[in-house]
Amino acid sequence: MPETEPRRPTPEGLTIRPEDTRDHAAVRDLVARAFVEEPTVADLVSLLRADSAAEAGHSYVAEIGGEVVGHVMMTRAWVDALPRLVRVLVLSPLSVAPEWQSRGIGGALVEFALAEASGGDHPLVFLEGSPLYCTRFGFERASRLGFVAPSRRIPDPAFQVVTLPAYEDWMTGALVYPDVFWRLDAVGLRGEQLADVEAALGE
């Protein structure tokens, strides 16, 4: 099995920009279609905004010809480090319209979001995802840097982190998700989904 999936060229005319309030309806429709088997994800996006858990200025849309075809949201979270709580970001959720998937749009959104975050004061970005996809963007297994996943239902290889310029070695500990994720049971996997992912990752 290859260490990472190959990069895909992005479609011609793709642009990425910060999300604004005029995008909310289109984004909700996009997320609902991208996660048709997980309808709570669309609710998650709306509730994160309403709860101010979506970090201001860290949500982005991808457009082609004026149509919103992708979306990524950076959510505030914390690392429970020994000296103090550290404000960090969680890259979630990431959505691409079904008809535009496997075209490099998701990767372009991740790269754009990380580049924007690198210029700020957040030291770390976490996500739950396949290491085959995430390592190309600089993510690594978070437990290797001493981080503790917020749930036992996140397989260790899927608990990923990328360090940003503001990171210091003392910033390590348990990742703490905002309450909205817990209210929707949107942390980690359950049942057969968890078993399938653990089997695929060799856990």
Protein backbone atom coordinates (compact mmCIF):
# COMPACT_ATOMS: atom_id res chain seq x y z
CA MET A 1 0.00 0.00 0.00
CA PRO A 2 1.49 3.42 -0.93
CA GLU A 3 2.35 5.83 1.85
CA THR A 4 0.19 8.54 0.34
CA GLU A 5 -2.40 8.82 -2.39
CA PRO A 6 -1.21 10.59 -5.58
CA ARG A 7 -1.92 14.28 -5.96
CA ARG A 8 -4.61 15.16 -8.47
CA PRO A 9 -4.62 18.25 -10.71
CA THR A 10 -7.30 20.73 -9.68
CA PRO A 11 -10.01 21.69 -12.19
CA GLU A 12 -9.48 24.72 -14.38
CA GLY A 13 -11.07 27.87 -12.97
CA LEU A 14 -11.02 26.72 -9.34
CA THR A 15 -10.85 29.60 -6.85
CA ILE A 16 -10.80 29.47 -3.05
CA ARG A 17 -11.88 32.33 -0.84
CA PRO A 18 -13.16 33.03 2.68
CA GLU A 19 -16.77 32.05 3.26
CA ASP A 20 -19.28 34.85 3.91
CA THR A 21 -22.89 34.86 5.06
CA ARG A 22 -24.20 34.77 1.49
CA ASP A 23 -22.63 31.31 1.10
CA HIS A 24 -24.41 29.66 4.03
CA ALA A 25 -27.36 28.19 2.10
CA ALA A 26 -25.15 26.87 -0.70
CA VAL A 27 -22.70 25.43 1.81
CA ARG A 28 -25.43 23.64 3.73
CA ASP A 29 -26.75 22.09 0.51
CA LEU A 30 -23.22 21.09 -0.50
CA VAL A 31 -22.44 19.46 2.85
CA ALA A 32 -25.77 17.62 2.87
CA ARG A 33 -25.03 16.17 -0.56
CA ALA A 34 -21.42 15.33 0.30
CA PHE A 35 -22.48 13.52 3.49
CA VAL A 36 -25.79 12.05 2.34
CA GLU A 37 -25.31 9.04 4.66
CA GLU A 38 -24.38 11.29 7.61
CA PRO A 39 -27.08 14.00 7.69
CA THR A 40 -25.91 15.43 11.01
CA VAL A 41 -22.79 16.88 9.34
CA ALA A 42 -24.85 19.65 7.70
CA ASP A 43 -26.36 20.40 11.11
CA LEU A 44 -22.86 20.42 12.58
CA VAL A 45 -21.74 23.21 10.26
CA SER A 46 -24.77 25.36 11.12
CA LEU A 47 -24.48 24.74 14.87
CA LEU A 48 -20.76 25.46 14.91
CA ARG A 49 -21.48 28.85 13.36
CA ALA A 50 -24.34 29.57 15.78
CA ASP A 51 -22.23 28.52 18.75
CA SER A 52 -19.28 30.62 17.53
CA ALA A 53 -17.19 27.44 17.62
CA ALA A 54 -16.26 28.02 13.99
CA GLU A 55 -13.11 30.10 14.30
CA ALA A 56 -13.73 33.51 12.73
CA GLY A 57 -12.01 33.89 9.38
CA HIS A 58 -11.14 30.20 9.06
CA SER A 59 -13.93 28.86 6.84
CA TYR A 60 -13.39 28.72 3.08
CA VAL A 61 -15.31 27.84 -0.05
CA ALA A 62 -14.07 26.54 -3.39
CA GLU A 63 -15.83 27.89 -6.48
CA ILE A 64 -15.91 27.03 -10.16
CA GLY A 65 -17.78 29.39 -12.42
CA GLY A 66 -19.50 30.99 -9.44
CA GLU A 67 -20.77 27.64 -8.10
CA VAL A 68 -19.72 26.53 -4.60
CA VAL A 69 -18.18 23.08 -5.09
CA GLY A 70 -16.24 22.64 -1.84
CA HIS A 71 -16.04 23.88 1.74
CA VAL A 72 -13.72 23.54 4.70
CA MET A 73 -14.19 24.79 8.24
CA MET A 74 -11.59 25.31 10.94
CA THR A 75 -13.10 24.87 14.38
CA ARG A 76 -11.70 26.18 17.66
CA ALA A 77 -10.53 23.59 20.16
CA TRP A 78 -7.98 23.35 22.96
CA VAL A 79 -5.01 21.31 24.03
CA ASP A 80 -5.02 20.68 27.78
CA ALA A 81 -1.30 21.34 28.29
CA LEU A 82 0.23 21.34 31.77
CA PRO A 83 1.00 25.10 31.95
CA ARG A 84 -2.32 26.24 30.45
CA LEU A 85 -4.98 25.59 27.84
CA VAL A 86 -3.73 26.19 24.30
CA ARG A 87 -6.15 27.38 21.61
CA VAL A 88 -5.81 25.20 18.52
CA LEU A 89 -7.77 24.42 15.36
CA VAL A 90 -9.58 21.28 14.19
CA LEU A 91 -9.95 20.94 10.44
CA SER A 92 -13.54 19.70 10.24
CA PRO A 93 -15.69 19.30 8.34
CA LEU A 94 -14.26 19.14 4.81
CA SER A 95 -16.83 18.73 2.01
CA VAL A 96 -16.74 18.47 -1.78
CA ALA A 97 -19.81 18.21 -4.00
CA PRO A 98 -20.26 14.57 -5.14
CA GLU A 99 -19.95 15.47 -8.82
CA TRP A 100 -16.61 17.20 -8.16
CA GLN A 101 -15.00 14.63 -5.87
CA SER A 102 -11.66 12.97 -6.75
CA ARG A 103 -10.65 16.11 -8.66
CA GLY A 104 -8.17 17.57 -6.17
CA ILE A 105 -10.58 20.13 -4.71
CA GLY A 106 -10.46 18.75 -1.17
CA GLY A 107 -6.67 18.83 -1.20
CA ALA A 108 -6.64 22.39 -2.52
CA LEU A 109 -8.97 23.44 0.31
CA VAL A 110 -6.77 21.80 2.94
CA GLU A 111 -3.62 23.44 1.57
CA PHE A 112 -5.30 26.85 1.44
CA ALA A 113 -6.68 26.55 4.97
CA LEU A 114 -3.30 25.48 6.39
CA ALA A 115 -1.48 28.29 4.60
CA GLU A 116 -3.92 30.81 6.07
CA ALA A 117 -3.64 29.30 9.56
CA SER A 118 0.17 29.40 9.38
CA GLY A 119 0.04 33.19 9.35
CA GLY A 120 -1.89 33.39 12.61
CA ASP A 121 -1.29 32.63 16.27
CA HIS A 122 -2.71 29.09 16.38
CA PRO A 123 0.12 26.59 16.91
CA LEU A 124 -1.57 23.36 15.82
CA VAL A 125 -4.21 21.97 13.48
CA PHE A 126 -5.77 18.56 14.21
CA LEU A 127 -8.04 16.31 12.19
CA GLU A 128 -9.52 12.83 12.12
CA GLY A 129 -8.61 11.25 8.81
CA SER A 130 -6.71 8.69 6.80
CA PRO A 131 -2.91 8.99 7.07
CA LEU A 132 -2.77 7.94 3.42
CA TYR A 133 -4.43 11.26 2.57
CA CYS A 134 -3.25 13.58 5.33
CA THR A 135 0.53 13.14 5.36
CA ARG A 136 0.95 14.94 2.03
CA PHE A 137 -0.10 18.15 3.81
CA GLY A 138 2.38 17.76 6.66
CA PHE A 139 0.08 15.94 9.11
CA GLU A 140 1.55 13.22 11.31
CA ARG A 141 0.31 10.83 13.97
CA ALA A 142 -0.52 13.11 16.90
CA SER A 143 0.32 10.54 19.59
CA ARG A 144 3.96 10.64 18.48
CA LEU A 145 4.11 14.24 19.71
CA GLY A 146 2.43 13.36 23.01
CA PHE A 147 -1.13 14.36 22.14
CA VAL A 148 -4.07 12.39 23.49
CA ALA A 149 -7.17 11.90 21.33
CA PRO A 150 -10.47 13.23 22.71
CA SER A 151 -12.12 9.82 22.26
CA ARG A 152 -11.10 6.16 22.29
CA ARG A 153 -13.20 5.89 19.14
CA ILE A 154 -10.54 7.66 17.06
CA PRO A 155 -8.04 5.05 15.78
CA ASP A 156 -4.52 6.20 16.64
CA PRO A 157 -3.28 6.44 13.00
CA ALA A 158 -6.33 8.61 12.17
CA PHE A 159 -5.61 11.13 14.96
CA GLN A 160 -3.46 13.57 12.98
CA VAL A 161 -1.79 16.91 13.69
CA VAL A 162 0.28 19.47 11.82
CA THR A 163 2.48 21.93 13.68
CA LEU A 164 2.45 25.61 12.70
CA PRO A 165 5.09 28.32 13.30
CA ALA A 166 3.60 29.27 16.69
CA TYR A 167 4.06 25.71 18.07
CA GLU A 168 6.36 25.11 21.06
CA ASP A 169 7.39 21.75 22.54
CA TRP A 170 5.51 22.29 25.81
CA MET A 171 2.19 22.51 23.96
CA THR A 172 1.16 18.89 24.40
CA GLY A 173 -1.69 17.10 26.15
CA ALA A 174 -5.26 16.00 25.48
CA LEU A 175 -7.23 17.56 22.62
CA VAL A 176 -10.54 19.03 23.81
CA TYR A 177 -13.33 19.42 21.24
CA PRO A 178 -16.03 22.12 21.59
CA ASP A 179 -19.37 21.00 22.97
CA VAL A 180 -21.19 21.09 19.62
CA PHE A 181 -19.29 18.02 18.37
CA TRP A 182 -20.35 16.04 21.44
CA ARG A 183 -23.98 17.10 21.23
CA LEU A 184 -24.16 15.63 17.73
CA ASP A 185 -21.99 12.62 18.58
CA ALA A 186 -19.57 13.77 15.88
CA VAL A 187 -16.31 12.76 17.56
CA GLY A 188 -14.75 9.54 16.31
CA LEU A 189 -16.60 6.54 14.93
CA ARG A 190 -18.93 3.94 16.35
CA GLY A 191 -19.84 0.31 15.70
CA GLU A 192 -19.14 -1.17 12.28
CA GLN A 193 -17.63 2.08 10.97
CA LEU A 194 -14.97 2.01 13.68
CA ALA A 195 -14.28 -1.69 13.13
CA ASP A 196 -13.93 -1.20 9.36
CA VAL A 197 -11.50 1.70 9.74
CA GLU A 198 -9.41 -0.10 12.35
CA ALA A 199 -9.20 -3.13 10.06
CA ALA A 200 -8.17 -0.97 7.09
CA LEU A 201 -5.48 0.74 9.19
CA GLY A 202 -4.22 -2.54 10.59
CA GLU A 203 -5.12 -1.67 14.15
